[in-house]
Amino acid sequence: MDNAEHQAPARYESGDGCLTTLVRIPVRIVVLVLVLPVRMVWDALAACARAAERVLLRPLGRALSWLFHVLVAVPAGWLWEWVLTPLGHGLRWLAWAVLVWPWTALWRYVVVPGVRYGIVVPLGWLYAEVLTPLGHGLRWVCLALLAPAGRGLLAGIGWLLRAVLVLPAVGVWRYVLVPLGLAAVWVVRCLVLVPARWTYRELLTPLGHGTAWLLDLLARGVAAGFRGLWAGLCLLVSVLLVTPLGWLYQRVLAPVGREVAAAFGFAWRAAGFVSRAVGRGLARLAWWLVGAPVTWAYRTVCTPVGHFVRDAVWAPARRAAAAAGRTARDAMRTARDTVRQARRDAWRALVGGPRATEPRELNRRVARTLGSTTTVPSAAPEPEISLHGGKAAQRG
């Protein structure tokens, strides 16, 4: 047979008996009944939270951000740039001018020159010109005159101290204290050390070895008794407590815990499917009861009405408003030019001055001719004659 037929299925759980299989379905049903309301409430809260975050919290956050930017960030930036920064520069310059510059000038131009030329230079001159020659002279006097006399005096004092102190002390140590010490050492060795050594080697050492052997034997016996007692207690606890608890945990608590955990996981997933199905049903019901009528009303009623209002009312009103605005702007421009001209004429009448000439075409006659159609109201027209007739008259 093929090996695939002997393979266990994907959801196979080894070690489960028929009792576990029989208990699993009721436990999962009970847990599903308990978990389903919690999962539906959780999904409803999650959907409400997402809707609130999308509809309320995001716009509120943007509004608060814009409000903070307008009310706090922009005034703070302006205050920092145009008030605090110049004030800080001014305070820094004032502190530098009041605290740093005077002390720097005092140190640089008063203290340093005073110390250099008032103390260092005189002390250097005194050391180089007075103290150094004086020290050389004193050293020569000490080496040439006082040193031989001092060496002779020290030799005499040393011989006197040797004769008075050292030789008597050496004699007392060599001929009195050393013999007395040797005699005392011999007496102590013969009367104390030799008997003490014999007592330790012949009496105390065997007695200590015997006592140690007895104590070691007693300790081994007590330790063996305690080990036997401890082994009995361990065996008793293992038989009466550990083995039943292990069997209870392995055969009852662990399977029950695994089944309860698996039941909770299965119930949570199944409740999620049920909750999503209920949510889709409620959403579909809300669509058919509210969304579809509103959409139909918007597409069938509001859109044609809006197009009609836009084309029949709003567009003509906008064009009429634009034409009225242009007319009003032209009227205002004309009135402004008229008022400006009247003001110039009134000023010229009160103060006087040359009349400003109107702009006109260059190199043209003032009056209208046959070659030009421009006229000036204040100029007298010239005789309208033909150019050919004028040339013939000139030839005649």
Protein backbone atom coordinates (compact mmCIF):
# COMPACT_ATOMS: atom_id res chain seq x y z
CA MET A 1 0.00 0.00 0.00
CA ASP A 2 1.00 3.56 -0.50
CA ASN A 3 2.71 5.37 2.39
CA ALA A 4 0.26 8.27 2.05
CA GLU A 5 -2.56 6.03 3.29
CA HIS A 6 -0.69 5.35 6.57
CA GLN A 7 0.09 9.02 7.24
CA ALA A 8 -1.92 10.79 9.96
CA PRO A 9 -4.21 13.66 8.97
CA ALA A 10 -3.17 17.26 9.57
CA ARG A 11 -5.36 17.74 12.68
CA TYR A 12 -4.50 14.35 14.21
CA GLU A 13 -3.60 14.42 17.92
CA SER A 14 -1.86 11.35 19.25
CA GLY A 15 -2.53 9.98 22.73
CA ASP A 16 -6.22 10.96 22.93
CA GLY A 17 -8.65 8.33 24.07
CA CYS A 18 -12.32 7.90 23.30
CA LEU A 19 -13.27 9.68 26.53
CA THR A 20 -11.36 12.80 25.46
CA THR A 21 -13.00 12.65 22.05
CA LEU A 22 -16.44 12.34 23.64
CA VAL A 23 -15.82 15.23 26.08
CA ARG A 24 -14.31 17.53 23.44
CA ILE A 25 -17.51 18.36 21.52
CA PRO A 26 -19.66 19.35 24.56
CA VAL A 27 -16.81 21.40 26.01
CA ARG A 28 -16.38 23.24 22.72
CA ILE A 29 -20.12 23.87 22.47
CA VAL A 30 -20.28 25.26 26.02
CA VAL A 31 -17.18 27.41 25.49
CA LEU A 32 -18.57 28.67 22.16
CA VAL A 33 -21.81 29.71 23.90
CA LEU A 34 -19.75 31.54 26.53
CA VAL A 35 -17.24 33.14 24.14
CA LEU A 36 -19.63 34.15 21.33
CA PRO A 37 -21.13 37.21 23.13
CA VAL A 38 -17.65 38.33 24.18
CA ARG A 39 -16.35 38.02 20.60
CA MET A 40 -19.35 39.85 19.16
CA VAL A 41 -18.95 42.65 21.73
CA TRP A 42 -15.22 42.77 20.94
CA ASP A 43 -15.84 42.98 17.18
CA ALA A 44 -18.49 45.67 17.71
CA LEU A 45 -16.13 47.70 19.88
CA ALA A 46 -13.32 47.25 17.34
CA ALA A 47 -15.60 48.40 14.49
CA CYS A 48 -16.78 51.39 16.56
CA ALA A 49 -13.20 52.25 17.41
CA ARG A 50 -12.14 52.09 13.76
CA ALA A 51 -15.12 54.23 12.73
CA ALA A 52 -14.44 56.74 15.50
CA GLU A 53 -10.77 56.86 14.54
CA ARG A 54 -11.60 57.42 10.87
CA VAL A 55 -14.53 59.84 11.32
CA LEU A 56 -13.75 61.67 14.58
CA LEU A 57 -10.21 61.24 15.83
CA ARG A 58 -8.33 61.88 12.57
CA PRO A 59 -10.21 65.14 11.73
CA LEU A 60 -9.99 66.17 15.38
CA GLY A 61 -6.25 65.47 15.37
CA ARG A 62 -5.78 67.45 12.15
CA ALA A 63 -7.84 70.33 13.56
CA LEU A 64 -5.89 70.31 16.82
CA SER A 65 -2.61 70.15 14.87
CA TRP A 66 -3.66 73.10 12.70
CA LEU A 67 -4.91 74.99 15.76
CA PHE A 68 -1.66 74.31 17.59
CA HIS A 69 0.31 75.42 14.54
CA VAL A 70 -1.72 78.62 14.20
CA LEU A 71 -2.05 79.52 17.89
CA VAL A 72 1.24 78.24 19.31
CA ALA A 73 3.86 77.35 16.72
CA VAL A 74 3.54 80.45 14.49
CA PRO A 75 3.39 82.97 17.41
CA ALA A 76 6.18 81.12 19.19
CA GLY A 77 8.30 81.13 16.02
CA TRP A 78 7.61 84.81 15.47
CA LEU A 79 8.34 85.54 19.13
CA TRP A 80 11.56 83.52 18.97
CA GLU A 81 12.70 85.08 15.68
CA TRP A 82 11.73 88.71 16.22
CA VAL A 83 11.78 89.14 20.03
CA LEU A 84 13.78 86.54 21.90
CA THR A 85 16.63 86.20 19.39
CA PRO A 86 17.35 89.98 19.16
CA LEU A 87 16.87 90.24 22.95
CA GLY A 88 19.32 87.37 23.47
CA HIS A 89 21.85 88.97 21.12
CA GLY A 90 21.47 92.26 22.95
CA LEU A 91 21.83 90.63 26.37
CA ARG A 92 24.86 88.69 25.18
CA TRP A 93 26.48 91.84 23.83
CA LEU A 94 25.61 93.69 27.08
CA ALA A 95 27.05 90.88 29.23
CA TRP A 96 30.15 90.76 27.07
CA ALA A 97 30.55 94.54 27.26
CA VAL A 98 29.90 94.73 31.01
CA LEU A 99 31.57 91.54 32.30
CA VAL A 100 34.09 90.23 29.79
CA TRP A 101 35.68 93.24 28.10
CA PRO A 102 36.52 95.21 31.32
CA TRP A 103 38.10 92.19 33.03
CA THR A 104 39.95 91.24 29.84
CA ALA A 105 41.30 94.78 29.48
CA LEU A 106 42.19 94.88 33.20
CA TRP A 107 44.05 91.56 32.93
CA ARG A 108 45.73 92.39 29.64
CA TYR A 109 46.70 96.02 30.23
CA VAL A 110 46.98 96.31 34.05
CA VAL A 111 47.63 93.00 35.82
CA VAL A 112 49.97 91.37 33.30
CA PRO A 113 52.20 94.47 32.76
CA GLY A 114 52.17 95.22 36.52
CA VAL A 115 53.21 91.68 37.47
CA ARG A 116 55.75 91.47 34.65
CA TYR A 117 57.46 94.84 35.16
CA GLY A 118 56.73 95.25 38.88
CA ILE A 119 57.58 91.78 40.22
CA VAL A 120 59.06 89.38 37.66
CA VAL A 121 61.69 91.70 36.15
CA PRO A 122 62.98 93.02 39.53
CA LEU A 123 63.05 89.52 41.00
CA GLY A 124 64.92 88.24 37.94
CA TRP A 125 67.46 91.05 38.20
CA LEU A 126 67.84 90.47 41.97
CA TYR A 127 68.36 86.71 41.42
CA ALA A 128 70.81 87.18 38.55
CA GLU A 129 72.81 90.15 39.88
CA VAL A 130 72.69 89.76 43.70
CA LEU A 131 71.63 86.33 44.92
CA THR A 132 73.65 84.26 42.43
CA PRO A 133 77.06 85.95 43.20
CA LEU A 134 76.26 85.88 46.93
CA GLY A 135 75.42 82.16 46.75
CA HIS A 136 78.64 81.44 44.84
CA GLY A 137 80.67 83.32 47.47
CA LEU A 138 78.97 81.50 50.36
CA ARG A 139 79.57 78.16 48.66
CA TRP A 140 83.30 78.97 48.26
CA VAL A 141 83.55 80.01 51.93
CA CYS A 142 81.84 76.78 53.03
CA LEU A 143 83.96 74.55 50.80
CA ALA A 144 87.31 76.30 51.38
CA LEU A 145 87.14 77.30 55.07
CA LEU A 146 84.29 75.65 56.98
CA ALA A 147 84.41 72.16 55.47
CA PRO A 148 87.94 71.18 56.78
CA ALA A 149 87.16 72.55 60.25
CA GLY A 150 83.79 70.78 60.26
CA ARG A 151 85.35 67.45 59.23
CA GLY A 152 87.93 67.63 62.06
CA LEU A 153 85.29 68.62 64.60
CA LEU A 154 82.96 65.81 63.47
CA ALA A 155 85.84 63.26 63.70
CA GLY A 156 86.60 64.33 67.28
CA ILE A 157 82.94 64.21 68.30
CA GLY A 158 82.57 60.75 66.68
CA TRP A 159 85.64 59.34 68.55
CA LEU A 160 84.33 60.77 71.85
CA LEU A 161 80.85 59.24 71.33
CA ARG A 162 82.43 55.90 70.39
CA ALA A 163 84.60 55.86 73.52
CA VAL A 164 81.78 56.96 75.84
CA LEU A 165 78.74 55.12 74.43
CA VAL A 166 79.57 52.44 71.87
CA LEU A 167 82.49 50.57 73.53
CA PRO A 168 80.75 50.16 76.95
CA ALA A 169 77.53 49.00 75.27
CA VAL A 170 79.42 46.46 73.12
CA GLY A 171 81.25 45.12 76.20
CA VAL A 172 78.05 44.75 78.20
CA TRP A 173 76.31 42.93 75.26
CA ARG A 174 79.24 40.64 74.46
CA TYR A 175 80.43 39.68 77.95
CA VAL A 176 77.23 39.94 80.05
CA LEU A 177 73.96 39.65 78.09
CA VAL A 178 74.99 36.97 75.59
CA PRO A 179 76.21 34.44 78.25
CA LEU A 180 73.11 35.09 80.37
CA GLY A 181 70.87 34.54 77.32
CA LEU A 182 72.58 31.27 76.38
CA ALA A 183 72.21 29.98 79.95
CA ALA A 184 68.53 30.95 80.03
CA VAL A 185 67.90 29.22 76.67
CA TRP A 186 69.59 25.99 77.91
CA VAL A 187 67.52 26.03 81.10
CA VAL A 188 64.24 26.63 79.20
CA ARG A 189 65.08 23.88 76.68
CA CYS A 190 65.96 21.28 79.36
CA LEU A 191 63.13 22.10 81.77
CA VAL A 192 60.25 23.04 79.38
CA LEU A 193 60.71 22.12 75.71
CA VAL A 194 62.04 18.56 76.06
CA PRO A 195 59.27 17.43 78.53
CA ALA A 196 56.59 19.20 76.48
CA ARG A 197 57.75 17.53 73.26
CA TRP A 198 57.80 14.05 74.91
CA THR A 199 54.33 14.63 76.38
CA TYR A 200 52.92 15.71 72.99
CA ARG A 201 54.51 12.82 71.06
CA GLU A 202 53.94 9.98 73.55
CA LEU A 203 50.62 10.97 75.22
CA LEU A 204 48.62 13.63 73.43
CA THR A 205 49.07 12.36 69.84
CA PRO A 206 47.79 8.76 70.49
CA LEU A 207 44.97 10.13 72.66
CA GLY A 208 43.92 12.60 69.88
CA HIS A 209 44.05 9.87 67.21
CA GLY A 210 41.81 7.60 69.27
CA THR A 211 39.33 10.39 70.01
CA ALA A 212 39.23 11.39 66.32
CA TRP A 213 38.60 7.74 65.30
CA LEU A 214 35.73 7.42 67.77
CA LEU A 215 34.17 10.71 66.69
CA ASP A 216 34.52 9.78 63.00
CA LEU A 217 32.88 6.39 63.63
CA LEU A 218 30.04 8.07 65.54
CA ALA A 219 29.57 10.67 62.77
CA ARG A 220 29.45 7.96 60.11
CA GLY A 221 26.80 6.08 62.04
CA VAL A 222 24.67 9.19 62.56
CA ALA A 223 25.06 10.17 58.89
CA ALA A 224 24.06 6.66 57.77
CA GLY A 225 20.99 6.85 60.03
CA PHE A 226 19.99 10.23 58.65
CA ARG A 227 20.54 9.06 55.08
CA GLY A 228 18.30 6.05 55.66
CA LEU A 229 15.65 8.25 57.29
CA TRP A 230 15.84 10.77 54.41
CA ALA A 231 15.60 7.98 51.81
CA GLY A 232 12.53 6.59 53.60
CA LEU A 233 10.89 10.01 53.76
CA CYS A 234 11.67 10.63 50.07
CA LEU A 235 10.22 7.26 49.12
CA LEU A 236 7.14 7.90 51.24
CA VAL A 237 6.58 11.37 49.75
CA SER A 238 7.18 10.01 46.23
CA VAL A 239 4.72 7.14 46.72
CA LEU A 240 2.02 9.05 48.58
CA LEU A 241 2.24 12.54 47.00
CA VAL A 242 4.43 12.93 43.90
CA THR A 243 3.23 9.88 41.97
CA PRO A 244 -0.52 10.65 42.45
CA LEU A 245 0.01 14.32 41.64
CA GLY A 246 2.04 13.41 38.55
CA TRP A 247 -0.59 10.95 37.42
CA LEU A 248 -3.33 13.53 38.11
CA TYR A 249 -1.46 16.24 36.17
CA GLN A 250 -0.54 13.95 33.28
CA ARG A 251 -3.85 12.12 32.95
CA VAL A 252 -6.37 14.77 34.04
CA LEU A 253 -5.13 18.33 34.36
CA ALA A 254 -2.92 18.47 31.27
CA PRO A 255 -5.55 16.96 28.90
CA VAL A 256 -8.27 19.13 30.44
CA GLY A 257 -6.08 22.20 30.13
CA ARG A 258 -5.19 21.40 26.53
CA GLU A 259 -8.81 20.74 25.68
CA VAL A 260 -9.98 23.94 27.39
CA ALA A 261 -7.28 25.99 25.63
CA ALA A 262 -8.09 24.33 22.28
CA ALA A 263 -11.80 24.87 22.95
CA PHE A 264 -11.24 28.54 23.70
CA GLY A 265 -9.18 28.95 20.54
CA PHE A 266 -11.75 27.10 18.42
CA ALA A 267 -14.59 29.05 20.06
CA TRP A 268 -12.82 32.37 19.47
CA ARG A 269 -12.27 31.57 15.79
CA ALA A 270 -15.80 30.23 15.33
CA ALA A 271 -17.23 33.26 17.16
CA GLY A 272 -15.20 35.44 14.82
CA PHE A 273 -16.82 33.77 11.78
CA VAL A 274 -20.26 34.11 13.38
CA SER A 275 -19.60 37.73 14.36
CA ARG A 276 -18.40 38.59 10.86
CA ALA A 277 -21.45 36.88 9.36
CA VAL A 278 -23.76 38.82 11.71
CA GLY A 279 -21.90 42.03 10.91
CA ARG A 280 -22.21 41.41 7.17
CA GLY A 281 -25.92 40.69 7.61
CA LEU A 282 -26.45 43.88 9.62
CA ALA A 283 -24.43 45.86 7.08
CA ARG A 284 -26.48 44.37 4.21
CA LEU A 285 -29.71 45.13 6.11
CA ALA A 286 -28.57 48.70 6.77
CA TRP A 287 -27.72 49.03 3.08
CA TRP A 288 -31.11 47.84 1.92
CA LEU A 289 -32.97 49.90 4.52
CA VAL A 290 -30.93 53.12 4.43
CA GLY A 291 -28.10 53.09 1.92
CA ALA A 292 -29.98 51.93 -1.18
CA PRO A 293 -32.93 54.39 -0.72
CA VAL A 294 -30.53 57.23 -0.03
CA THR A 295 -28.41 56.31 -3.08
CA TRP A 296 -31.52 56.01 -5.27
CA ALA A 297 -32.80 59.38 -4.01
CA TYR A 298 -29.44 60.98 -4.60
CA ARG A 299 -29.06 59.60 -8.12
CA THR A 300 -32.71 59.98 -9.18
CA VAL A 301 -33.78 63.20 -7.46
CA CYS A 302 -30.87 65.20 -6.07
CA THR A 303 -28.56 64.84 -9.07
CA PRO A 304 -31.08 66.05 -11.73
CA VAL A 305 -32.27 68.83 -9.41
CA GLY A 306 -28.68 69.87 -8.78
CA HIS A 307 -27.89 69.84 -12.52
CA PHE A 308 -31.02 71.87 -13.24
CA VAL A 309 -30.15 74.38 -10.50
CA ARG A 310 -26.59 74.56 -11.78
CA ASP A 311 -27.54 75.04 -15.45
CA ALA A 312 -30.73 77.11 -15.10
CA VAL A 313 -30.09 79.19 -11.96
CA TRP A 314 -26.50 79.19 -10.87
CA ALA A 315 -24.79 79.60 -14.28
CA PRO A 316 -27.00 82.57 -15.42
CA ALA A 317 -26.71 84.13 -11.99
CA ARG A 318 -22.95 83.72 -12.11
CA ARG A 319 -22.77 85.21 -15.62
CA ALA A 320 -25.06 88.09 -14.59
CA ALA A 321 -22.95 88.68 -11.48
CA ALA A 322 -19.79 88.63 -13.58
CA ALA A 323 -21.30 91.10 -16.10
CA ALA A 324 -22.52 93.32 -13.25
CA GLY A 325 -19.08 93.17 -11.69
CA ARG A 326 -17.40 94.14 -14.95
CA THR A 327 -19.92 96.96 -15.43
CA ALA A 328 -19.36 98.16 -11.87
CA ARG A 329 -15.59 98.01 -12.35
CA ASP A 330 -15.84 100.00 -15.61
CA ALA A 331 -18.12 102.54 -13.91
CA MET A 332 -15.77 102.84 -10.96
CA ARG A 333 -12.79 103.21 -13.30
CA THR A 334 -14.62 105.92 -15.28
CA ALA A 335 -15.69 107.72 -12.11
CA ARG A 336 -12.15 107.49 -10.76
CA ASP A 337 -10.71 108.97 -13.98
CA THR A 338 -13.35 111.72 -13.92
CA VAL A 339 -12.65 112.60 -10.31
CA ARG A 340 -8.89 112.58 -10.98
CA GLN A 341 -9.34 114.88 -14.00
CA ALA A 342 -11.65 117.21 -12.04
CA ARG A 343 -9.11 117.36 -9.22
CA ARG A 344 -6.32 118.25 -11.65
CA ASP A 345 -8.50 120.92 -13.30
CA ALA A 346 -9.43 122.40 -9.89
CA TRP A 347 -5.79 122.43 -8.83
CA ARG A 348 -4.79 124.08 -12.12
CA ALA A 349 -7.53 126.67 -11.66
CA LEU A 350 -6.39 127.48 -8.13
CA VAL A 351 -2.61 127.35 -8.61
CA GLY A 352 -2.16 127.81 -12.32
CA GLY A 353 0.23 126.15 -14.66
CA PRO A 354 0.53 124.92 -18.24
CA ARG A 355 -2.33 122.83 -19.51
CA ALA A 356 -1.28 119.28 -20.08
CA THR A 357 -1.43 118.48 -23.80
CA GLU A 358 -3.37 115.45 -24.84
CA PRO A 359 -1.35 112.63 -26.42
CA ARG A 360 -1.63 112.58 -30.17
CA GLU A 361 0.03 111.12 -33.23
CA LEU A 362 3.45 112.48 -34.14
CA ASN A 363 4.23 114.24 -37.46
CA ARG A 364 0.53 114.69 -38.33
CA ARG A 365 -1.47 117.78 -39.02
CA VAL A 366 -3.76 119.11 -36.38
CA ALA A 367 -6.89 119.27 -38.55
CA ARG A 368 -8.39 116.39 -40.46
CA THR A 369 -7.15 116.05 -44.02
CA LEU A 370 -7.80 113.67 -46.79
CA GLY A 371 -4.84 111.60 -45.73
CA SER A 372 -5.83 111.47 -42.05
CA THR A 373 -9.11 110.91 -40.28
CA THR A 374 -8.07 112.16 -36.85
CA THR A 375 -9.66 115.39 -35.59
CA VAL A 376 -8.88 117.64 -32.67
CA PRO A 377 -11.83 119.58 -31.21
CA SER A 378 -9.82 122.71 -30.38
CA ALA A 379 -7.98 123.06 -33.75
CA ALA A 380 -9.27 124.86 -36.86
CA PRO A 381 -9.60 122.54 -39.84
CA GLU A 382 -7.49 123.19 -42.94
CA PRO A 383 -9.07 123.46 -46.41
CA GLU A 384 -9.91 120.10 -47.83
CA ILE A 385 -8.23 120.11 -51.25
CA SER A 386 -7.05 117.35 -53.43
CA LEU A 387 -3.37 116.55 -53.52
CA HIS A 388 -3.38 116.37 -57.34
CA GLY A 389 -5.26 119.68 -57.59
CA GLY A 390 -2.72 121.34 -55.31
CA LYS A 391 0.17 120.08 -57.41
CA ALA A 392 -1.50 121.37 -60.62
CA ALA A 393 -2.12 124.76 -59.05
CA GLN A 394 1.48 124.93 -58.00
CA ARG A 395 2.62 124.17 -61.55
CA GLY A 396 0.33 126.95 -62.94
